[in-house]
């Protein structure tokens, strides 16, 4: 079944764009069967629910090597699936872990390049002494 868009047309002539409530033609805020006080209360409560506060800190999971990211992500997944970690926090952890893994990758590549450069310098110095 396709999602139905709200039938409300805004003052500027554009459609609302929100999805209609299940079995209806309008979204919650444009539904004429819902009184304005209930809409206002939902809007106020919804705005308050957007703010995220973490009541307890999560235990530290040091990520000193790429393999440690597996432990961090497993813990995060378990907490989300168990309903003890807000999905927005989990998404943030996922994004930051991705950045951290990229930093490990760049650092490793930099170390390899520096090693190769050092080998080349030593080889050149050895050839100059012989030649």
C-alpha atoms as a PDB file:
ATOM      1  CA  UNK A   1       0.000   0.000   0.000  1.00  0.00           C
ATOM      2  CA  UNK A   2       1.428   3.375  -1.021  1.00  0.00           C
ATOM      3  CA  UNK A   3       1.757   6.154   1.510  1.00  0.00           C
ATOM      4  CA  UNK A   4      -0.841   8.870   0.967  1.00  0.00           C
ATOM      5  CA  UNK A   5       0.149  12.524   1.261  1.00  0.00           C
ATOM      6  CA  UNK A   6      -1.902  15.032   3.236  1.00  0.00           C
ATOM      7  CA  UNK A   7      -4.593  16.708   1.096  1.00  0.00           C
ATOM      8  CA  UNK A   8      -4.183  20.104   2.814  1.00  0.00           C
ATOM      9  CA  UNK A   9      -3.200  22.987   0.529  1.00  0.00           C
ATOM     10  CA  UNK A  10      -1.184  25.767   2.174  1.00  0.00           C
ATOM     11  CA  UNK A  11      -2.014  29.462   1.785  1.00  0.00           C
ATOM     12  CA  UNK A  12       0.666  29.783  -0.911  1.00  0.00           C
ATOM     13  CA  UNK A  13      -1.010  27.018  -2.956  1.00  0.00           C
ATOM     14  CA  UNK A  14       1.551  24.293  -2.266  1.00  0.00           C
ATOM     15  CA  UNK A  15       0.515  20.931  -0.826  1.00  0.00           C
ATOM     16  CA  UNK A  16       1.361  20.093   2.800  1.00  0.00           C
ATOM     17  CA  UNK A  17       3.759  17.293   1.858  1.00  0.00           C
ATOM     18  CA  UNK A  18       3.400  15.325   5.113  1.00  0.00           C
ATOM     19  CA  UNK A  19       2.009  11.813   5.083  1.00  0.00           C
ATOM     20  CA  UNK A  20      -1.678  11.431   5.850  1.00  0.00           C
ATOM     21  CA  UNK A  21      -2.711   9.566   8.964  1.00  0.00           C
ATOM     22  CA  UNK A  22      -3.468   5.881   8.435  1.00  0.00           C
ATOM     23  CA  UNK A  23      -6.900   5.556   6.863  1.00  0.00           C
ATOM     24  CA  UNK A  24      -7.290   9.331   6.473  1.00  0.00           C
ATOM     25  CA  UNK A  25      -6.708  12.103   3.986  1.00  0.00           C
ATOM     26  CA  UNK A  26      -4.872  14.551   6.263  1.00  0.00           C
ATOM     27  CA  UNK A  27      -1.761  14.577   8.431  1.00  0.00           C
ATOM     28  CA  UNK A  28      -2.226  14.958  12.189  1.00  0.00           C
ATOM     29  CA  UNK A  29      -1.909  18.754  12.124  1.00  0.00           C
ATOM     30  CA  UNK A  30      -4.348  19.288   9.243  1.00  0.00           C
ATOM     31  CA  UNK A  31      -6.902  16.694  10.330  1.00  0.00           C
ATOM     32  CA  UNK A  32     -10.178  18.582  10.980  1.00  0.00           C
ATOM     33  CA  UNK A  33     -11.310  15.843  13.401  1.00  0.00           C
ATOM     34  CA  UNK A  34      -8.515  16.696  15.869  1.00  0.00           C
ATOM     35  CA  UNK A  35      -9.092  19.821  17.958  1.00  0.00           C
ATOM     36  CA  UNK A  36      -6.551  22.643  18.036  1.00  0.00           C
ATOM     37  CA  UNK A  37      -5.737  22.147  21.737  1.00  0.00           C
ATOM     38  CA  UNK A  38      -4.700  18.532  21.104  1.00  0.00           C
ATOM     39  CA  UNK A  39      -2.597  19.610  18.114  1.00  0.00           C
ATOM     40  CA  UNK A  40      -0.910  22.328  20.189  1.00  0.00           C
ATOM     41  CA  UNK A  41      -0.212  19.885  23.024  1.00  0.00           C
ATOM     42  CA  UNK A  42       1.312  17.357  20.600  1.00  0.00           C
ATOM     43  CA  UNK A  43       3.405  20.076  19.000  1.00  0.00           C
ATOM     44  CA  UNK A  44       4.694  21.291  22.367  1.00  0.00           C
ATOM     45  CA  UNK A  45       5.383  17.771  23.611  1.00  0.00           C
ATOM     46  CA  UNK A  46       6.956  16.796  20.297  1.00  0.00           C
ATOM     47  CA  UNK A  47       9.323  19.751  20.486  1.00  0.00           C
ATOM     48  CA  UNK A  48      10.336  18.746  23.998  1.00  0.00           C
ATOM     49  CA  UNK A  49      10.935  15.168  22.877  1.00  0.00           C
ATOM     50  CA  UNK A  50      13.377  16.313  20.208  1.00  0.00           C
ATOM     51  CA  UNK A  51      15.818  17.463  22.882  1.00  0.00           C
ATOM     52  CA  UNK A  52      18.064  14.612  23.908  1.00  0.00           C
ATOM     53  CA  UNK A  53      19.576  14.342  27.326  1.00  0.00           C
ATOM     54  CA  UNK A  54      21.589  11.364  28.437  1.00  0.00           C
ATOM     55  CA  UNK A  55      20.861  10.469  32.044  1.00  0.00           C
ATOM     56  CA  UNK A  56      23.801   8.104  32.543  1.00  0.00           C
ATOM     57  CA  UNK A  57      27.087   8.083  30.743  1.00  0.00           C
ATOM     58  CA  UNK A  58      28.031   4.978  28.839  1.00  0.00           C
ATOM     59  CA  UNK A  59      31.005   2.945  30.020  1.00  0.00           C
ATOM     60  CA  UNK A  60      34.262   3.904  28.379  1.00  0.00           C
ATOM     61  CA  UNK A  61      35.368   1.630  25.563  1.00  0.00           C
ATOM     62  CA  UNK A  62      38.831   2.761  24.497  1.00  0.00           C
ATOM     63  CA  UNK A  63      39.443   2.503  20.763  1.00  0.00           C
ATOM     64  CA  UNK A  64      43.208   2.402  20.407  1.00  0.00           C
ATOM     65  CA  UNK A  65      43.262   0.120  17.376  1.00  0.00           C
ATOM     66  CA  UNK A  66      40.837  -0.574  14.532  1.00  0.00           C
ATOM     67  CA  UNK A  67      39.901  -3.921  16.055  1.00  0.00           C
ATOM     68  CA  UNK A  68      38.648  -2.090  19.197  1.00  0.00           C
ATOM     69  CA  UNK A  69      35.964  -0.465  17.025  1.00  0.00           C
ATOM     70  CA  UNK A  70      34.330  -3.876  16.715  1.00  0.00           C
ATOM     71  CA  UNK A  71      33.860  -4.013  20.491  1.00  0.00           C
ATOM     72  CA  UNK A  72      32.456  -0.476  20.533  1.00  0.00           C
ATOM     73  CA  UNK A  73      30.026  -1.128  17.697  1.00  0.00           C
ATOM     74  CA  UNK A  74      28.918  -4.481  19.149  1.00  0.00           C
ATOM     75  CA  UNK A  75      28.198  -2.788  22.478  1.00  0.00           C
ATOM     76  CA  UNK A  76      26.305   0.015  20.724  1.00  0.00           C
ATOM     77  CA  UNK A  77      24.223  -2.419  18.686  1.00  0.00           C
ATOM     78  CA  UNK A  78      23.392  -4.481  21.773  1.00  0.00           C
ATOM     79  CA  UNK A  79      22.269  -1.368  23.663  1.00  0.00           C
ATOM     80  CA  UNK A  80      20.082  -0.153  20.786  1.00  0.00           C
ATOM     81  CA  UNK A  81      18.514  -3.563  20.349  1.00  0.00           C
ATOM     82  CA  UNK A  82      17.978  -3.810  24.101  1.00  0.00           C
ATOM     83  CA  UNK A  83      16.265  -0.415  24.139  1.00  0.00           C
ATOM     84  CA  UNK A  84      18.779   1.183  26.523  1.00  0.00           C
ATOM     85  CA  UNK A  85      20.478   3.515  24.041  1.00  0.00           C
ATOM     86  CA  UNK A  86      18.801   6.270  22.039  1.00  0.00           C
ATOM     87  CA  UNK A  87      19.188   5.668  18.329  1.00  0.00           C
ATOM     88  CA  UNK A  88      20.472   9.229  17.803  1.00  0.00           C
ATOM     89  CA  UNK A  89      23.339   8.562  20.202  1.00  0.00           C
ATOM     90  CA  UNK A  90      23.993   5.240  18.466  1.00  0.00           C
ATOM     91  CA  UNK A  91      24.061   6.983  15.070  1.00  0.00           C
ATOM     92  CA  UNK A  92      26.521   9.537  16.430  1.00  0.00           C
ATOM     93  CA  UNK A  93      28.740   6.753  17.779  1.00  0.00           C
ATOM     94  CA  UNK A  94      28.574   5.030  14.386  1.00  0.00           C
ATOM     95  CA  UNK A  95      29.543   8.167  12.473  1.00  0.00           C
ATOM     96  CA  UNK A  96      32.368   9.038  14.861  1.00  0.00           C
ATOM     97  CA  UNK A  97      33.638   5.458  14.780  1.00  0.00           C
ATOM     98  CA  UNK A  98      33.731   5.675  10.982  1.00  0.00           C
ATOM     99  CA  UNK A  99      35.814   8.860  11.220  1.00  0.00           C
ATOM    100  CA  UNK A 100      38.108   7.233  13.758  1.00  0.00           C
ATOM    101  CA  UNK A 101      38.620   4.188  11.539  1.00  0.00           C
ATOM    102  CA  UNK A 102      39.450   6.502   8.620  1.00  0.00           C
ATOM    103  CA  UNK A 103      41.995   8.279  10.841  1.00  0.00           C
ATOM    104  CA  UNK A 104      43.587   4.915  11.723  1.00  0.00           C
ATOM    105  CA  UNK A 105      43.734   4.087   8.028  1.00  0.00           C
ATOM    106  CA  UNK A 106      45.386   7.398   7.135  1.00  0.00           C
ATOM    107  CA  UNK A 107      47.861   7.091  10.016  1.00  0.00           C
ATOM    108  CA  UNK A 108      48.779   3.558   8.919  1.00  0.00           C
ATOM    109  CA  UNK A 109      49.218   4.659   5.329  1.00  0.00           C
ATOM    110  CA  UNK A 110      51.352   7.613   6.460  1.00  0.00           C
ATOM    111  CA  UNK A 111      53.587   5.281   8.496  1.00  0.00           C
ATOM    112  CA  UNK A 112      53.999   2.973   5.492  1.00  0.00           C
ATOM    113  CA  UNK A 113      54.898   5.881   3.192  1.00  0.00           C
ATOM    114  CA  UNK A 114      57.432   7.204   5.723  1.00  0.00           C
ATOM    115  CA  UNK A 115      58.984   3.727   6.014  1.00  0.00           C
ATOM    116  CA  UNK A 116      59.232   3.400   2.230  1.00  0.00           C
ATOM    117  CA  UNK A 117      60.769   6.877   1.972  1.00  0.00           C
ATOM    118  CA  UNK A 118      63.341   5.965   4.630  1.00  0.00           C
ATOM    119  CA  UNK A 119      64.238   2.741   2.781  1.00  0.00           C
ATOM    120  CA  UNK A 120      64.668   4.709  -0.454  1.00  0.00           C
ATOM    121  CA  UNK A 121      66.909   7.286   1.283  1.00  0.00           C
ATOM    122  CA  UNK A 122      69.057   4.510   2.775  1.00  0.00           C
ATOM    123  CA  UNK A 123      69.312   2.709  -0.572  1.00  0.00           C
ATOM    124  CA  UNK A 124      70.355   5.922  -2.330  1.00  0.00           C
ATOM    125  CA  UNK A 125      72.938   6.638   0.345  1.00  0.00           C
ATOM    126  CA  UNK A 126      74.306   3.100  -0.039  1.00  0.00           C
ATOM    127  CA  UNK A 127      74.600   3.473  -3.829  1.00  0.00           C
ATOM    128  CA  UNK A 128      76.389   6.829  -3.489  1.00  0.00           C
ATOM    129  CA  UNK A 129      78.992   5.324  -1.119  1.00  0.00           C
ATOM    130  CA  UNK A 130      79.673   2.455  -3.537  1.00  0.00           C
ATOM    131  CA  UNK A 131      79.752   4.580  -6.647  1.00  0.00           C
END
